[in-house]
């Protein structure tokens, strides 16, 4: 979730219980995906040479919908009824919309992202998307790294960040930096790769544009600016209204672009989620 207009300092916030030991984290950070640009191109998110970023925003242009279509789509309906700045559109481009509508989520059916180290090299590897776990398991050398297709955050370096730092705190700080470049650089300071940092920055921009009113209503303006917001969950364990808006208005685009999320990588976060939303993934890359 983002709020433009201030530049709070970034404080490192480790997870109380990291998912990996220090040696594994170091090897993840020192590894490299050799074909990330190919992955972005396959997802139609590779920036053109004239652009200053590696990737392009998954949110633009938004998918405009007629009223009947909009009302049938939960994200578009949320936009026109809850955000305070109603827009009759799915909050992402048409490629993301088509993926969101057709994606499968059951573990035995969902697409997966796998990686395979180069022969005799435990540092360089290639990424590949597979239609399901069975297809991945039948391809020599590949191992599961997360569910759903590969994206900008599918690298082991980004997994190391997901598994060692409290992104609920740190990403919130970066999202409040002024302008896209500052947001992206702050995300890189956390430890994300450049393309993954861009996906987080695009997400922060989208949330600020769509959810500012909802978040002020939830937290109040001063706590939102100072970073002293209340718990992300309600007393009943549900997402509060600000984070629900982020999920509805920025979630599909981020999940498509990033590929890897904490939930589909088997990593829990400080935000309570239903257990069936956190996939089981074993990360044994250097055994």
C-alpha atoms as a PDB file:
ATOM      1  CA  UNK A   1       0.000   0.000   0.000  1.00  0.00           C
ATOM      2  CA  UNK A   2       1.377   3.414  -0.872  1.00  0.00           C
ATOM      3  CA  UNK A   3       0.978   7.053   0.045  1.00  0.00           C
ATOM      4  CA  UNK A   4       2.947   9.595  -1.944  1.00  0.00           C
ATOM      5  CA  UNK A   5       4.126  12.818  -0.397  1.00  0.00           C
ATOM      6  CA  UNK A   6       6.725  11.857   2.198  1.00  0.00           C
ATOM      7  CA  UNK A   7      10.111  10.134   2.334  1.00  0.00           C
ATOM      8  CA  UNK A   8      10.346   8.117   5.559  1.00  0.00           C
ATOM      9  CA  UNK A   9      13.658   6.380   6.309  1.00  0.00           C
ATOM     10  CA  UNK A  10      13.965   2.687   5.542  1.00  0.00           C
ATOM     11  CA  UNK A  11      14.656   0.572   8.626  1.00  0.00           C
ATOM     12  CA  UNK A  12      15.611  -3.076   8.209  1.00  0.00           C
ATOM     13  CA  UNK A  13      12.945  -5.283   9.793  1.00  0.00           C
ATOM     14  CA  UNK A  14      13.929  -8.975   9.886  1.00  0.00           C
ATOM     15  CA  UNK A  15      11.312 -11.675  10.237  1.00  0.00           C
ATOM     16  CA  UNK A  16      11.258 -13.110  13.777  1.00  0.00           C
ATOM     17  CA  UNK A  17      11.652 -16.573  12.242  1.00  0.00           C
ATOM     18  CA  UNK A  18      13.409 -16.428   8.846  1.00  0.00           C
ATOM     19  CA  UNK A  19      12.540 -19.171   6.385  1.00  0.00           C
ATOM     20  CA  UNK A  20      16.215 -19.849   5.541  1.00  0.00           C
ATOM     21  CA  UNK A  21      19.530 -20.024   7.380  1.00  0.00           C
ATOM     22  CA  UNK A  22      22.261 -17.443   6.743  1.00  0.00           C
ATOM     23  CA  UNK A  23      24.292 -19.704   4.447  1.00  0.00           C
ATOM     24  CA  UNK A  24      21.290 -20.438   2.231  1.00  0.00           C
ATOM     25  CA  UNK A  25      20.325 -16.761   2.139  1.00  0.00           C
ATOM     26  CA  UNK A  26      23.848 -15.815   1.039  1.00  0.00           C
ATOM     27  CA  UNK A  27      23.794 -18.391  -1.773  1.00  0.00           C
ATOM     28  CA  UNK A  28      20.375 -17.161  -2.914  1.00  0.00           C
ATOM     29  CA  UNK A  29      21.587 -13.563  -3.034  1.00  0.00           C
ATOM     30  CA  UNK A  30      24.648 -14.618  -5.033  1.00  0.00           C
ATOM     31  CA  UNK A  31      22.671 -16.605  -7.599  1.00  0.00           C
ATOM     32  CA  UNK A  32      21.376 -15.299 -10.934  1.00  0.00           C
ATOM     33  CA  UNK A  33      18.495 -16.084 -13.280  1.00  0.00           C
ATOM     34  CA  UNK A  34      19.915 -15.997 -16.822  1.00  0.00           C
ATOM     35  CA  UNK A  35      16.625 -15.597 -18.692  1.00  0.00           C
ATOM     36  CA  UNK A  36      14.528 -13.114 -16.737  1.00  0.00           C
ATOM     37  CA  UNK A  37      14.144 -10.845 -19.778  1.00  0.00           C
ATOM     38  CA  UNK A  38      12.690 -13.813 -21.671  1.00  0.00           C
ATOM     39  CA  UNK A  39      10.179 -14.370 -18.879  1.00  0.00           C
ATOM     40  CA  UNK A  40       9.105 -10.714 -18.990  1.00  0.00           C
ATOM     41  CA  UNK A  41       8.765 -10.909 -22.764  1.00  0.00           C
ATOM     42  CA  UNK A  42       6.611 -14.036 -22.522  1.00  0.00           C
ATOM     43  CA  UNK A  43       4.351 -12.184 -20.100  1.00  0.00           C
ATOM     44  CA  UNK A  44       4.209  -9.153 -22.433  1.00  0.00           C
ATOM     45  CA  UNK A  45       5.752  -6.977 -19.733  1.00  0.00           C
ATOM     46  CA  UNK A  46       9.243  -6.348 -21.139  1.00  0.00           C
ATOM     47  CA  UNK A  47       9.820  -2.606 -21.550  1.00  0.00           C
ATOM     48  CA  UNK A  48      10.853  -1.202 -24.915  1.00  0.00           C
ATOM     49  CA  UNK A  49      14.407   0.148 -25.412  1.00  0.00           C
ATOM     50  CA  UNK A  50      12.981   3.677 -25.279  1.00  0.00           C
ATOM     51  CA  UNK A  51      11.630   3.144 -21.759  1.00  0.00           C
ATOM     52  CA  UNK A  52      13.781   3.687 -18.677  1.00  0.00           C
ATOM     53  CA  UNK A  53      12.542   0.613 -16.808  1.00  0.00           C
ATOM     54  CA  UNK A  54      13.148  -3.101 -17.360  1.00  0.00           C
ATOM     55  CA  UNK A  55       9.466  -3.958 -17.176  1.00  0.00           C
ATOM     56  CA  UNK A  56       6.246  -2.156 -17.947  1.00  0.00           C
ATOM     57  CA  UNK A  57       3.262  -1.570 -15.698  1.00  0.00           C
ATOM     58  CA  UNK A  58       0.661  -4.356 -15.669  1.00  0.00           C
ATOM     59  CA  UNK A  59      -2.013  -1.797 -14.834  1.00  0.00           C
ATOM     60  CA  UNK A  60      -2.004   0.352 -17.952  1.00  0.00           C
ATOM     61  CA  UNK A  61      -4.096   0.675 -19.969  1.00  0.00           C
ATOM     62  CA  UNK A  62      -6.920  -0.366 -17.650  1.00  0.00           C
ATOM     63  CA  UNK A  63      -9.490  -2.796 -19.059  1.00  0.00           C
ATOM     64  CA  UNK A  64     -12.606  -0.690 -19.615  1.00  0.00           C
ATOM     65  CA  UNK A  65     -15.913  -2.525 -19.182  1.00  0.00           C
ATOM     66  CA  UNK A  66     -19.562  -1.800 -19.878  1.00  0.00           C
ATOM     67  CA  UNK A  67     -21.775  -1.578 -16.809  1.00  0.00           C
ATOM     68  CA  UNK A  68     -23.158  -5.120 -17.033  1.00  0.00           C
ATOM     69  CA  UNK A  69     -19.652  -6.611 -17.360  1.00  0.00           C
ATOM     70  CA  UNK A  70     -18.351  -4.393 -14.593  1.00  0.00           C
ATOM     71  CA  UNK A  71     -21.067  -5.369 -12.165  1.00  0.00           C
ATOM     72  CA  UNK A  72     -20.340  -9.048 -12.743  1.00  0.00           C
ATOM     73  CA  UNK A  73     -16.625  -8.572 -12.029  1.00  0.00           C
ATOM     74  CA  UNK A  74     -15.836  -8.222  -8.319  1.00  0.00           C
ATOM     75  CA  UNK A  75     -12.833  -5.930  -8.857  1.00  0.00           C
ATOM     76  CA  UNK A  76     -14.625  -3.564 -11.233  1.00  0.00           C
ATOM     77  CA  UNK A  77     -17.702  -3.513  -8.989  1.00  0.00           C
ATOM     78  CA  UNK A  78     -15.475  -2.719  -6.008  1.00  0.00           C
ATOM     79  CA  UNK A  79     -13.995   0.186  -7.963  1.00  0.00           C
ATOM     80  CA  UNK A  80     -17.325   1.847  -8.640  1.00  0.00           C
ATOM     81  CA  UNK A  81     -18.826   1.238  -5.203  1.00  0.00           C
ATOM     82  CA  UNK A  82     -15.982   1.444  -2.679  1.00  0.00           C
ATOM     83  CA  UNK A  83     -12.978   3.507  -3.780  1.00  0.00           C
ATOM     84  CA  UNK A  84     -14.479   6.981  -3.730  1.00  0.00           C
ATOM     85  CA  UNK A  85     -13.109   7.540  -7.262  1.00  0.00           C
ATOM     86  CA  UNK A  86     -15.365   5.187  -9.227  1.00  0.00           C
ATOM     87  CA  UNK A  87     -13.942   3.858 -12.481  1.00  0.00           C
ATOM     88  CA  UNK A  88     -15.768   1.355 -14.668  1.00  0.00           C
ATOM     89  CA  UNK A  89     -12.766  -0.855 -15.393  1.00  0.00           C
ATOM     90  CA  UNK A  90     -10.893  -3.931 -14.264  1.00  0.00           C
ATOM     91  CA  UNK A  91      -7.802  -2.514 -12.499  1.00  0.00           C
ATOM     92  CA  UNK A  92      -5.190  -3.939 -14.888  1.00  0.00           C
ATOM     93  CA  UNK A  93      -4.539  -4.304 -18.599  1.00  0.00           C
ATOM     94  CA  UNK A  94      -6.331  -6.803 -20.853  1.00  0.00           C
ATOM     95  CA  UNK A  95      -3.528  -9.400 -20.688  1.00  0.00           C
ATOM     96  CA  UNK A  96      -3.752  -9.452 -16.907  1.00  0.00           C
ATOM     97  CA  UNK A  97      -7.546  -9.553 -17.043  1.00  0.00           C
ATOM     98  CA  UNK A  98      -7.538 -12.590 -19.356  1.00  0.00           C
ATOM     99  CA  UNK A  99      -5.057 -14.362 -17.064  1.00  0.00           C
ATOM    100  CA  UNK A 100      -6.994 -13.495 -13.929  1.00  0.00           C
ATOM    101  CA  UNK A 101     -10.229 -14.849 -15.391  1.00  0.00           C
ATOM    102  CA  UNK A 102      -8.732 -18.132 -16.608  1.00  0.00           C
ATOM    103  CA  UNK A 103      -6.104 -18.970 -13.974  1.00  0.00           C
ATOM    104  CA  UNK A 104      -6.449 -22.121 -11.890  1.00  0.00           C
ATOM    105  CA  UNK A 105      -5.621 -22.035  -8.195  1.00  0.00           C
ATOM    106  CA  UNK A 106      -5.869 -25.612  -6.894  1.00  0.00           C
ATOM    107  CA  UNK A 107      -2.361 -26.995  -6.219  1.00  0.00           C
ATOM    108  CA  UNK A 108      -2.848 -29.966  -8.554  1.00  0.00           C
ATOM    109  CA  UNK A 109      -4.125 -27.754 -11.372  1.00  0.00           C
ATOM    110  CA  UNK A 110      -2.420 -24.373 -11.034  1.00  0.00           C
ATOM    111  CA  UNK A 111       0.429 -23.214 -13.235  1.00  0.00           C
ATOM    112  CA  UNK A 112       3.836 -23.309 -11.563  1.00  0.00           C
ATOM    113  CA  UNK A 113       7.242 -21.693 -11.899  1.00  0.00           C
ATOM    114  CA  UNK A 114      10.313 -23.884 -11.858  1.00  0.00           C
ATOM    115  CA  UNK A 115      14.047 -23.338 -11.983  1.00  0.00           C
ATOM    116  CA  UNK A 116      16.938 -25.437 -13.235  1.00  0.00           C
ATOM    117  CA  UNK A 117      20.582 -24.765 -12.451  1.00  0.00           C
ATOM    118  CA  UNK A 118      23.047 -24.810 -15.301  1.00  0.00           C
ATOM    119  CA  UNK A 119      25.143 -27.945 -15.508  1.00  0.00           C
ATOM    120  CA  UNK A 120      27.936 -27.930 -12.897  1.00  0.00           C
ATOM    121  CA  UNK A 121      26.851 -24.471 -11.710  1.00  0.00           C
ATOM    122  CA  UNK A 122      24.964 -23.817  -8.463  1.00  0.00           C
ATOM    123  CA  UNK A 123      24.783 -20.063  -9.031  1.00  0.00           C
ATOM    124  CA  UNK A 124      23.232 -19.558 -12.483  1.00  0.00           C
ATOM    125  CA  UNK A 125      19.858 -21.006 -13.391  1.00  0.00           C
ATOM    126  CA  UNK A 126      16.992 -20.663 -15.844  1.00  0.00           C
ATOM    127  CA  UNK A 127      13.337 -20.056 -15.016  1.00  0.00           C
ATOM    128  CA  UNK A 128      10.385 -21.616 -16.808  1.00  0.00           C
ATOM    129  CA  UNK A 129       6.611 -21.591 -16.411  1.00  0.00           C
ATOM    130  CA  UNK A 130       4.665 -24.856 -16.579  1.00  0.00           C
ATOM    131  CA  UNK A 131       0.948 -25.449 -16.969  1.00  0.00           C
ATOM    132  CA  UNK A 132       0.865 -27.588 -13.811  1.00  0.00           C
ATOM    133  CA  UNK A 133       2.999 -29.449 -11.287  1.00  0.00           C
ATOM    134  CA  UNK A 134       2.866 -32.693 -13.282  1.00  0.00           C
ATOM    135  CA  UNK A 135       4.412 -31.024 -16.329  1.00  0.00           C
ATOM    136  CA  UNK A 136       7.190 -29.531 -14.200  1.00  0.00           C
ATOM    137  CA  UNK A 137       7.949 -32.822 -12.450  1.00  0.00           C
ATOM    138  CA  UNK A 138       8.303 -34.580 -15.802  1.00  0.00           C
ATOM    139  CA  UNK A 139      10.877 -32.056 -17.069  1.00  0.00           C
ATOM    140  CA  UNK A 140      14.425 -33.119 -16.118  1.00  0.00           C
ATOM    141  CA  UNK A 141      16.306 -30.838 -13.735  1.00  0.00           C
ATOM    142  CA  UNK A 142      13.503 -28.424 -12.867  1.00  0.00           C
ATOM    143  CA  UNK A 143      12.237 -27.935  -9.332  1.00  0.00           C
ATOM    144  CA  UNK A 144       9.254 -25.998  -8.058  1.00  0.00           C
ATOM    145  CA  UNK A 145       9.983 -22.510  -6.738  1.00  0.00           C
ATOM    146  CA  UNK A 146       6.422 -21.123  -6.558  1.00  0.00           C
ATOM    147  CA  UNK A 147       2.891 -21.644  -7.827  1.00  0.00           C
ATOM    148  CA  UNK A 148       1.532 -19.623 -10.784  1.00  0.00           C
ATOM    149  CA  UNK A 149       3.646 -18.532 -13.729  1.00  0.00           C
ATOM    150  CA  UNK A 150       7.123 -17.045 -13.411  1.00  0.00           C
ATOM    151  CA  UNK A 151       7.450 -13.273 -13.250  1.00  0.00           C
ATOM    152  CA  UNK A 152       9.717 -10.442 -12.211  1.00  0.00           C
ATOM    153  CA  UNK A 153      10.108 -11.658  -8.601  1.00  0.00           C
ATOM    154  CA  UNK A 154      10.686 -15.348  -9.338  1.00  0.00           C
ATOM    155  CA  UNK A 155      14.431 -15.216  -8.717  1.00  0.00           C
ATOM    156  CA  UNK A 156      16.113 -16.763  -5.688  1.00  0.00           C
ATOM    157  CA  UNK A 157      17.404 -13.331  -4.697  1.00  0.00           C
ATOM    158  CA  UNK A 158      13.820 -12.153  -4.366  1.00  0.00           C
ATOM    159  CA  UNK A 159      12.860 -15.330  -2.527  1.00  0.00           C
ATOM    160  CA  UNK A 160      15.638 -14.580  -0.034  1.00  0.00           C
ATOM    161  CA  UNK A 161      14.053 -11.182   0.637  1.00  0.00           C
ATOM    162  CA  UNK A 162      10.583 -12.701   1.015  1.00  0.00           C
ATOM    163  CA  UNK A 163      11.911 -15.284   3.445  1.00  0.00           C
ATOM    164  CA  UNK A 164      14.020 -13.073   5.685  1.00  0.00           C
ATOM    165  CA  UNK A 165      12.483  -9.590   5.979  1.00  0.00           C
ATOM    166  CA  UNK A 166       9.182  -8.212   7.249  1.00  0.00           C
ATOM    167  CA  UNK A 167       7.878  -6.734   4.012  1.00  0.00           C
ATOM    168  CA  UNK A 168       4.640  -5.671   5.682  1.00  0.00           C
ATOM    169  CA  UNK A 169       6.699  -2.967   7.381  1.00  0.00           C
ATOM    170  CA  UNK A 170       9.466  -2.263   4.855  1.00  0.00           C
ATOM    171  CA  UNK A 171       7.415  -2.223   1.641  1.00  0.00           C
ATOM    172  CA  UNK A 172       5.000   0.186   3.312  1.00  0.00           C
ATOM    173  CA  UNK A 173       7.917   2.551   3.954  1.00  0.00           C
ATOM    174  CA  UNK A 174       9.111   2.345   0.337  1.00  0.00           C
ATOM    175  CA  UNK A 175       5.611   2.862  -1.030  1.00  0.00           C
ATOM    176  CA  UNK A 176       5.517   6.297   0.629  1.00  0.00           C
ATOM    177  CA  UNK A 177       8.555   7.599  -1.249  1.00  0.00           C
ATOM    178  CA  UNK A 178       7.816  10.408  -3.706  1.00  0.00           C
ATOM    179  CA  UNK A 179       7.631   9.236  -7.317  1.00  0.00           C
ATOM    180  CA  UNK A 180       8.094   5.902  -9.044  1.00  0.00           C
ATOM    181  CA  UNK A 181      11.903   6.026  -9.215  1.00  0.00           C
ATOM    182  CA  UNK A 182      12.252   6.683  -5.483  1.00  0.00           C
ATOM    183  CA  UNK A 183       9.855   3.849  -4.703  1.00  0.00           C
ATOM    184  CA  UNK A 184      11.749   1.475  -6.993  1.00  0.00           C
ATOM    185  CA  UNK A 185      15.164   2.398  -5.580  1.00  0.00           C
ATOM    186  CA  UNK A 186      13.884   1.944  -2.040  1.00  0.00           C
ATOM    187  CA  UNK A 187      12.630  -1.523  -2.971  1.00  0.00           C
ATOM    188  CA  UNK A 188      16.085  -2.298  -4.365  1.00  0.00           C
ATOM    189  CA  UNK A 189      17.586  -1.134  -1.063  1.00  0.00           C
ATOM    190  CA  UNK A 190      15.470  -3.791   0.635  1.00  0.00           C
ATOM    191  CA  UNK A 191      17.287  -6.341  -1.542  1.00  0.00           C
ATOM    192  CA  UNK A 192      14.899  -6.965  -4.437  1.00  0.00           C
ATOM    193  CA  UNK A 193      16.187  -7.371  -7.976  1.00  0.00           C
ATOM    194  CA  UNK A 194      15.543  -4.376 -10.237  1.00  0.00           C
ATOM    195  CA  UNK A 195      12.606  -5.895 -12.122  1.00  0.00           C
ATOM    196  CA  UNK A 196      10.946  -7.141  -8.940  1.00  0.00           C
ATOM    197  CA  UNK A 197      11.446  -3.727  -7.322  1.00  0.00           C
ATOM    198  CA  UNK A 198       9.654  -2.200 -10.306  1.00  0.00           C
ATOM    199  CA  UNK A 199       6.667  -4.501  -9.811  1.00  0.00           C
ATOM    200  CA  UNK A 200       6.434  -3.447  -6.168  1.00  0.00           C
ATOM    201  CA  UNK A 201       6.715   0.226  -7.185  1.00  0.00           C
ATOM    202  CA  UNK A 202       4.012  -0.120  -9.861  1.00  0.00           C
ATOM    203  CA  UNK A 203       1.829  -1.766  -7.215  1.00  0.00           C
ATOM    204  CA  UNK A 204       2.432   1.085  -4.774  1.00  0.00           C
ATOM    205  CA  UNK A 205       1.479   3.664  -7.394  1.00  0.00           C
ATOM    206  CA  UNK A 206      -1.704   1.815  -8.259  1.00  0.00           C
ATOM    207  CA  UNK A 207      -2.717   1.508  -4.612  1.00  0.00           C
ATOM    208  CA  UNK A 208      -2.100   5.199  -3.937  1.00  0.00           C
ATOM    209  CA  UNK A 209      -4.187   6.217  -6.937  1.00  0.00           C
ATOM    210  CA  UNK A 210      -7.086   3.878  -6.149  1.00  0.00           C
ATOM    211  CA  UNK A 211      -7.148   3.517  -2.370  1.00  0.00           C
ATOM    212  CA  UNK A 212      -6.131   6.831  -0.827  1.00  0.00           C
ATOM    213  CA  UNK A 213      -9.680   7.671   0.278  1.00  0.00           C
ATOM    214  CA  UNK A 214     -10.289   4.179   1.664  1.00  0.00           C
ATOM    215  CA  UNK A 215      -7.010   4.200   3.589  1.00  0.00           C
ATOM    216  CA  UNK A 216      -7.600   7.646   5.111  1.00  0.00           C
ATOM    217  CA  UNK A 217     -11.025   6.435   6.219  1.00  0.00           C
ATOM    218  CA  UNK A 218      -9.441   3.344   7.798  1.00  0.00           C
ATOM    219  CA  UNK A 219      -6.424   4.874   9.537  1.00  0.00           C
ATOM    220  CA  UNK A 220      -6.788   8.646   9.534  1.00  0.00           C
ATOM    221  CA  UNK A 221      -4.480  10.934   7.554  1.00  0.00           C
ATOM    222  CA  UNK A 222      -1.813  11.555  10.216  1.00  0.00           C
ATOM    223  CA  UNK A 223      -1.231   7.877  11.159  1.00  0.00           C
ATOM    224  CA  UNK A 224      -1.092   7.059   7.444  1.00  0.00           C
ATOM    225  CA  UNK A 225       1.599   9.666   6.838  1.00  0.00           C
ATOM    226  CA  UNK A 226       3.603   8.808   9.956  1.00  0.00           C
ATOM    227  CA  UNK A 227       3.414   5.054   9.432  1.00  0.00           C
ATOM    228  CA  UNK A 228       1.620   4.400  12.712  1.00  0.00           C
ATOM    229  CA  UNK A 229      -1.333   2.586  11.162  1.00  0.00           C
ATOM    230  CA  UNK A 230      -3.286   0.039  13.151  1.00  0.00           C
ATOM    231  CA  UNK A 231      -3.222  -3.726  12.624  1.00  0.00           C
ATOM    232  CA  UNK A 232      -3.677  -4.932   9.033  1.00  0.00           C
ATOM    233  CA  UNK A 233      -6.412  -7.307  10.182  1.00  0.00           C
ATOM    234  CA  UNK A 234      -9.754  -6.682  11.856  1.00  0.00           C
ATOM    235  CA  UNK A 235     -10.710  -8.319  15.142  1.00  0.00           C
ATOM    236  CA  UNK A 236     -12.382 -11.057  13.116  1.00  0.00           C
ATOM    237  CA  UNK A 237      -9.162 -11.786  11.227  1.00  0.00           C
ATOM    238  CA  UNK A 238     -10.277 -10.191   7.961  1.00  0.00           C
ATOM    239  CA  UNK A 239      -8.220  -7.634   6.030  1.00  0.00           C
ATOM    240  CA  UNK A 240      -9.001  -4.074   7.073  1.00  0.00           C
ATOM    241  CA  UNK A 241     -10.598  -1.788   4.497  1.00  0.00           C
ATOM    242  CA  UNK A 242      -7.323  -0.218   3.342  1.00  0.00           C
ATOM    243  CA  UNK A 243      -5.592  -3.540   2.676  1.00  0.00           C
ATOM    244  CA  UNK A 244      -8.737  -4.983   1.151  1.00  0.00           C
ATOM    245  CA  UNK A 245      -8.705  -2.090  -1.326  1.00  0.00           C
ATOM    246  CA  UNK A 246      -5.059  -2.801  -2.102  1.00  0.00           C
ATOM    247  CA  UNK A 247      -5.925  -6.461  -2.689  1.00  0.00           C
ATOM    248  CA  UNK A 248      -8.841  -5.626  -4.962  1.00  0.00           C
ATOM    249  CA  UNK A 249      -7.365  -2.726  -6.926  1.00  0.00           C
ATOM    250  CA  UNK A 250      -3.684  -3.693  -7.184  1.00  0.00           C
ATOM    251  CA  UNK A 251      -3.581  -7.405  -6.374  1.00  0.00           C
ATOM    252  CA  UNK A 252      -4.259  -8.929  -9.822  1.00  0.00           C
ATOM    253  CA  UNK A 253      -1.664  -6.777 -11.587  1.00  0.00           C
ATOM    254  CA  UNK A 254       0.991  -7.417  -8.969  1.00  0.00           C
ATOM    255  CA  UNK A 255       0.411 -11.169  -8.878  1.00  0.00           C
ATOM    256  CA  UNK A 256       0.647 -11.346 -12.663  1.00  0.00           C
ATOM    257  CA  UNK A 257       3.765  -9.188 -12.966  1.00  0.00           C
ATOM    258  CA  UNK A 258       5.691 -10.441  -9.941  1.00  0.00           C
ATOM    259  CA  UNK A 259       4.848 -14.111 -10.345  1.00  0.00           C
ATOM    260  CA  UNK A 260       6.230 -14.892  -6.909  1.00  0.00           C
ATOM    261  CA  UNK A 261       4.301 -13.828  -3.827  1.00  0.00           C
ATOM    262  CA  UNK A 262       4.877 -14.888  -0.256  1.00  0.00           C
ATOM    263  CA  UNK A 263       1.704 -16.949  -0.261  1.00  0.00           C
ATOM    264  CA  UNK A 264       2.409 -18.891  -3.459  1.00  0.00           C
ATOM    265  CA  UNK A 265       5.981 -19.515  -2.266  1.00  0.00           C
ATOM    266  CA  UNK A 266       4.849 -21.092   0.990  1.00  0.00           C
ATOM    267  CA  UNK A 267       5.948 -18.170   3.173  1.00  0.00           C
ATOM    268  CA  UNK A 268       3.612 -16.653   5.749  1.00  0.00           C
ATOM    269  CA  UNK A 269       3.570 -12.910   6.387  1.00  0.00           C
ATOM    270  CA  UNK A 270       2.574 -10.611   9.212  1.00  0.00           C
ATOM    271  CA  UNK A 271      -0.833 -10.256   7.539  1.00  0.00           C
ATOM    272  CA  UNK A 272      -3.090 -13.114   8.589  1.00  0.00           C
ATOM    273  CA  UNK A 273      -4.293 -15.154   5.623  1.00  0.00           C
ATOM    274  CA  UNK A 274      -6.492 -18.256   5.427  1.00  0.00           C
ATOM    275  CA  UNK A 275      -4.330 -21.366   5.507  1.00  0.00           C
ATOM    276  CA  UNK A 276      -5.640 -22.546   2.129  1.00  0.00           C
ATOM    277  CA  UNK A 277      -4.160 -19.408   0.501  1.00  0.00           C
ATOM    278  CA  UNK A 278      -0.597 -20.368   1.499  1.00  0.00           C
ATOM    279  CA  UNK A 279       0.767 -23.095  -0.782  1.00  0.00           C
ATOM    280  CA  UNK A 280       3.173 -25.772   0.382  1.00  0.00           C
ATOM    281  CA  UNK A 281       6.557 -25.349  -1.312  1.00  0.00           C
ATOM    282  CA  UNK A 282       9.860 -26.956  -0.314  1.00  0.00           C
ATOM    283  CA  UNK A 283      12.907 -24.833  -1.096  1.00  0.00           C
ATOM    284  CA  UNK A 284      15.909 -27.145  -1.305  1.00  0.00           C
ATOM    285  CA  UNK A 285      18.139 -25.623  -3.972  1.00  0.00           C
ATOM    286  CA  UNK A 286      21.637 -26.305  -2.694  1.00  0.00           C
ATOM    287  CA  UNK A 287      21.356 -29.767  -1.110  1.00  0.00           C
END
